[in-house]
Amino acid sequence: MQIQDDLQARWWKLEEKLMERFTKKPDMEAILFLIGIQELGGDSRKFTKEQKQDLMHVAVCTVLSSGGYYELEGVDRDGWPHYKQLKEIPSMPLYQQENFMKDFILLYFQNNQFL
């Protein structure tokens, strides 16, 4: 239980830092969207709905790559990163999936000196 409490405390700290920067509390989708934009090079253009979904997919692949789940294959001519899945993501209940993702998102921000 303490590990989960620590995860939640670290998650709240991340939300607080993002609120300071963007003045709005982000949900997980918004955080993944921000990571996707960062991985695309910080592009500030308008994105279509499909591109927004692609950005969140890039974010998921990026954060899970630190756990050996994905590997960057390369970047296309438009600057979009493409990943190859290396291993299956473990099957787990929804609440565990959320904590699984939170842990990798926190690691991403820590590795990028945001936390």
C-alpha atoms as a PDB file:
ATOM      1  CA  MET A   1       0.000   0.000   0.000  1.00  0.00           C
ATOM      2  CA  GLN A   2       2.875   2.393   0.760  1.00  0.00           C
ATOM      3  CA  ILE A   3       4.243   1.964  -2.771  1.00  0.00           C
ATOM      4  CA  GLN A   4       0.866   2.948  -4.213  1.00  0.00           C
ATOM      5  CA  ASP A   5       0.665   5.921  -1.811  1.00  0.00           C
ATOM      6  CA  ASP A   6       4.145   7.025  -2.921  1.00  0.00           C
ATOM      7  CA  LEU A   7       3.108   6.729  -6.575  1.00  0.00           C
ATOM      8  CA  GLN A   8       0.035   8.852  -5.913  1.00  0.00           C
ATOM      9  CA  ALA A   9       2.052  11.489  -4.048  1.00  0.00           C
ATOM     10  CA  ARG A  10       4.558  11.695  -6.910  1.00  0.00           C
ATOM     11  CA  TRP A  11       1.681  11.906  -9.422  1.00  0.00           C
ATOM     12  CA  TRP A  12       0.096  14.791  -7.504  1.00  0.00           C
ATOM     13  CA  LYS A  13       3.464  16.564  -7.514  1.00  0.00           C
ATOM     14  CA  LEU A  14       3.650  16.196 -11.299  1.00  0.00           C
ATOM     15  CA  GLU A  15       0.077  17.496 -11.693  1.00  0.00           C
ATOM     16  CA  GLU A  16       0.946  20.456  -9.472  1.00  0.00           C
ATOM     17  CA  LYS A  17       4.025  21.333 -11.539  1.00  0.00           C
ATOM     18  CA  LEU A  18       2.033  21.069 -14.768  1.00  0.00           C
ATOM     19  CA  MET A  19      -0.735  23.234 -13.266  1.00  0.00           C
ATOM     20  CA  GLU A  20       1.860  25.910 -12.472  1.00  0.00           C
ATOM     21  CA  ARG A  21       2.983  25.864 -16.076  1.00  0.00           C
ATOM     22  CA  PHE A  22      -0.372  25.531 -17.852  1.00  0.00           C
ATOM     23  CA  THR A  23      -2.825  26.911 -15.214  1.00  0.00           C
ATOM     24  CA  LYS A  24      -5.109  23.902 -15.617  1.00  0.00           C
ATOM     25  CA  LYS A  25      -4.981  20.489 -13.960  1.00  0.00           C
ATOM     26  CA  PRO A  26      -4.160  17.953 -16.674  1.00  0.00           C
ATOM     27  CA  ASP A  27      -5.649  14.483 -16.858  1.00  0.00           C
ATOM     28  CA  MET A  28      -3.621  11.528 -18.108  1.00  0.00           C
ATOM     29  CA  GLU A  29      -4.693  12.072 -21.727  1.00  0.00           C
ATOM     30  CA  ALA A  30      -3.519  15.683 -21.600  1.00  0.00           C
ATOM     31  CA  ILE A  31      -0.203  14.631 -20.099  1.00  0.00           C
ATOM     32  CA  LEU A  32       0.279  12.009 -22.815  1.00  0.00           C
ATOM     33  CA  PHE A  33      -0.597  14.639 -25.427  1.00  0.00           C
ATOM     34  CA  LEU A  34       2.065  16.968 -23.972  1.00  0.00           C
ATOM     35  CA  ILE A  35       4.657  14.180 -24.056  1.00  0.00           C
ATOM     36  CA  GLY A  36       3.731  13.434 -27.667  1.00  0.00           C
ATOM     37  CA  ILE A  37       4.202  17.084 -28.635  1.00  0.00           C
ATOM     38  CA  GLN A  38       7.542  17.127 -26.819  1.00  0.00           C
ATOM     39  CA  GLU A  39       8.678  14.017 -28.687  1.00  0.00           C
ATOM     40  CA  LEU A  40       7.601  15.576 -31.985  1.00  0.00           C
ATOM     41  CA  GLY A  41       9.927  18.478 -31.247  1.00  0.00           C
ATOM     42  CA  GLY A  42       7.629  20.869 -29.397  1.00  0.00           C
ATOM     43  CA  ASP A  43       5.582  21.664 -32.495  1.00  0.00           C
ATOM     44  CA  SER A  44       2.868  24.208 -31.664  1.00  0.00           C
ATOM     45  CA  ARG A  45       0.750  23.839 -34.793  1.00  0.00           C
ATOM     46  CA  LYS A  46      -2.905  22.808 -34.770  1.00  0.00           C
ATOM     47  CA  PHE A  47      -3.401  19.059 -34.873  1.00  0.00           C
ATOM     48  CA  THR A  48      -6.295  17.093 -36.312  1.00  0.00           C
ATOM     49  CA  LYS A  49      -8.169  14.660 -34.089  1.00  0.00           C
ATOM     50  CA  GLU A  50      -6.273  11.771 -35.701  1.00  0.00           C
ATOM     51  CA  GLN A  51      -2.934  13.512 -35.169  1.00  0.00           C
ATOM     52  CA  LYS A  52      -3.809  14.068 -31.506  1.00  0.00           C
ATOM     53  CA  GLN A  53      -4.455  10.332 -31.149  1.00  0.00           C
ATOM     54  CA  ASP A  54      -1.154   9.654 -32.924  1.00  0.00           C
ATOM     55  CA  LEU A  55       0.619  12.005 -30.506  1.00  0.00           C
ATOM     56  CA  MET A  56      -0.776  10.090 -27.534  1.00  0.00           C
ATOM     57  CA  HIS A  57       0.337   6.825 -29.149  1.00  0.00           C
ATOM     58  CA  VAL A  58       3.842   8.276 -29.595  1.00  0.00           C
ATOM     59  CA  ALA A  59       3.771   9.250 -25.919  1.00  0.00           C
ATOM     60  CA  VAL A  60       2.721   5.777 -24.776  1.00  0.00           C
ATOM     61  CA  CYS A  61       5.464   4.166 -26.867  1.00  0.00           C
ATOM     62  CA  THR A  62       8.000   6.702 -25.625  1.00  0.00           C
ATOM     63  CA  VAL A  63       7.273   6.249 -21.925  1.00  0.00           C
ATOM     64  CA  LEU A  64       7.054   2.452 -22.189  1.00  0.00           C
ATOM     65  CA  SER A  65      10.326   2.277 -24.121  1.00  0.00           C
ATOM     66  CA  SER A  66      12.181   2.843 -20.841  1.00  0.00           C
ATOM     67  CA  GLY A  67      10.695  -0.464 -19.669  1.00  0.00           C
ATOM     68  CA  GLY A  68      11.806  -2.301 -22.790  1.00  0.00           C
ATOM     69  CA  TYR A  69       8.305  -2.548 -24.263  1.00  0.00           C
ATOM     70  CA  TYR A  70       9.018  -0.420 -27.344  1.00  0.00           C
ATOM     71  CA  GLU A  71      12.033   0.695 -29.325  1.00  0.00           C
ATOM     72  CA  LEU A  72      12.345   3.717 -31.581  1.00  0.00           C
ATOM     73  CA  GLU A  73      12.646   2.483 -35.168  1.00  0.00           C
ATOM     74  CA  GLY A  74      13.173   5.889 -36.694  1.00  0.00           C
ATOM     75  CA  VAL A  75      11.595   9.162 -37.670  1.00  0.00           C
ATOM     76  CA  ASP A  76       9.703   9.698 -40.917  1.00  0.00           C
ATOM     77  CA  ARG A  77      10.266  12.643 -43.253  1.00  0.00           C
ATOM     78  CA  ASP A  78       7.544  14.627 -41.458  1.00  0.00           C
ATOM     79  CA  GLY A  79       9.386  14.251 -38.162  1.00  0.00           C
ATOM     80  CA  TRP A  80       7.040  11.668 -36.616  1.00  0.00           C
ATOM     81  CA  PRO A  81       8.752   8.974 -34.528  1.00  0.00           C
ATOM     82  CA  HIS A  82       7.873   5.339 -35.192  1.00  0.00           C
ATOM     83  CA  TYR A  83       8.243   2.542 -32.657  1.00  0.00           C
ATOM     84  CA  LYS A  84       8.513  -1.218 -32.753  1.00  0.00           C
ATOM     85  CA  GLN A  85       6.930  -3.245 -29.959  1.00  0.00           C
ATOM     86  CA  LEU A  86       9.500  -5.526 -28.313  1.00  0.00           C
ATOM     87  CA  LYS A  87       7.369  -7.314 -25.750  1.00  0.00           C
ATOM     88  CA  GLU A  88       3.756  -7.602 -24.696  1.00  0.00           C
ATOM     89  CA  ILE A  89       2.374  -5.247 -22.096  1.00  0.00           C
ATOM     90  CA  PRO A  90       1.177  -7.371 -19.186  1.00  0.00           C
ATOM     91  CA  SER A  91      -2.553  -7.916 -18.854  1.00  0.00           C
ATOM     92  CA  MET A  92      -3.926  -6.288 -15.702  1.00  0.00           C
ATOM     93  CA  PRO A  93      -7.089  -4.706 -14.293  1.00  0.00           C
ATOM     94  CA  LEU A  94      -7.860  -1.125 -15.339  1.00  0.00           C
ATOM     95  CA  TYR A  95      -6.741   0.515 -12.065  1.00  0.00           C
ATOM     96  CA  GLN A  96      -3.399  -1.315 -12.290  1.00  0.00           C
ATOM     97  CA  GLN A  97      -3.009  -0.219 -15.926  1.00  0.00           C
ATOM     98  CA  GLU A  98      -3.407   3.380 -14.805  1.00  0.00           C
ATOM     99  CA  ASN A  99      -0.760   3.008 -12.099  1.00  0.00           C
ATOM    100  CA  PHE A 100       1.504   1.166 -14.553  1.00  0.00           C
ATOM    101  CA  MET A 101       1.289   4.116 -16.958  1.00  0.00           C
ATOM    102  CA  LYS A 102       1.636   6.702 -14.182  1.00  0.00           C
ATOM    103  CA  ASP A 103       4.882   5.094 -13.045  1.00  0.00           C
ATOM    104  CA  PHE A 104       6.375   5.220 -16.555  1.00  0.00           C
ATOM    105  CA  ILE A 105       5.121   8.786 -17.126  1.00  0.00           C
ATOM    106  CA  LEU A 106       6.746   9.891 -13.879  1.00  0.00           C
ATOM    107  CA  LEU A 107       9.991   8.215 -14.949  1.00  0.00           C
ATOM    108  CA  TYR A 108       9.801  10.076 -18.277  1.00  0.00           C
ATOM    109  CA  PHE A 109       9.486  13.443 -16.537  1.00  0.00           C
ATOM    110  CA  GLN A 110      12.223  12.550 -14.069  1.00  0.00           C
ATOM    111  CA  ASN A 111      14.574  11.523 -16.887  1.00  0.00           C
ATOM    112  CA  ASN A 112      13.818  14.813 -18.636  1.00  0.00           C
ATOM    113  CA  GLN A 113      14.636  16.826 -15.491  1.00  0.00           C
ATOM    114  CA  PHE A 114      11.092  18.074 -15.029  1.00  0.00           C
ATOM    115  CA  LEU A 115      10.691  16.476 -11.586  1.00  0.00           C
END
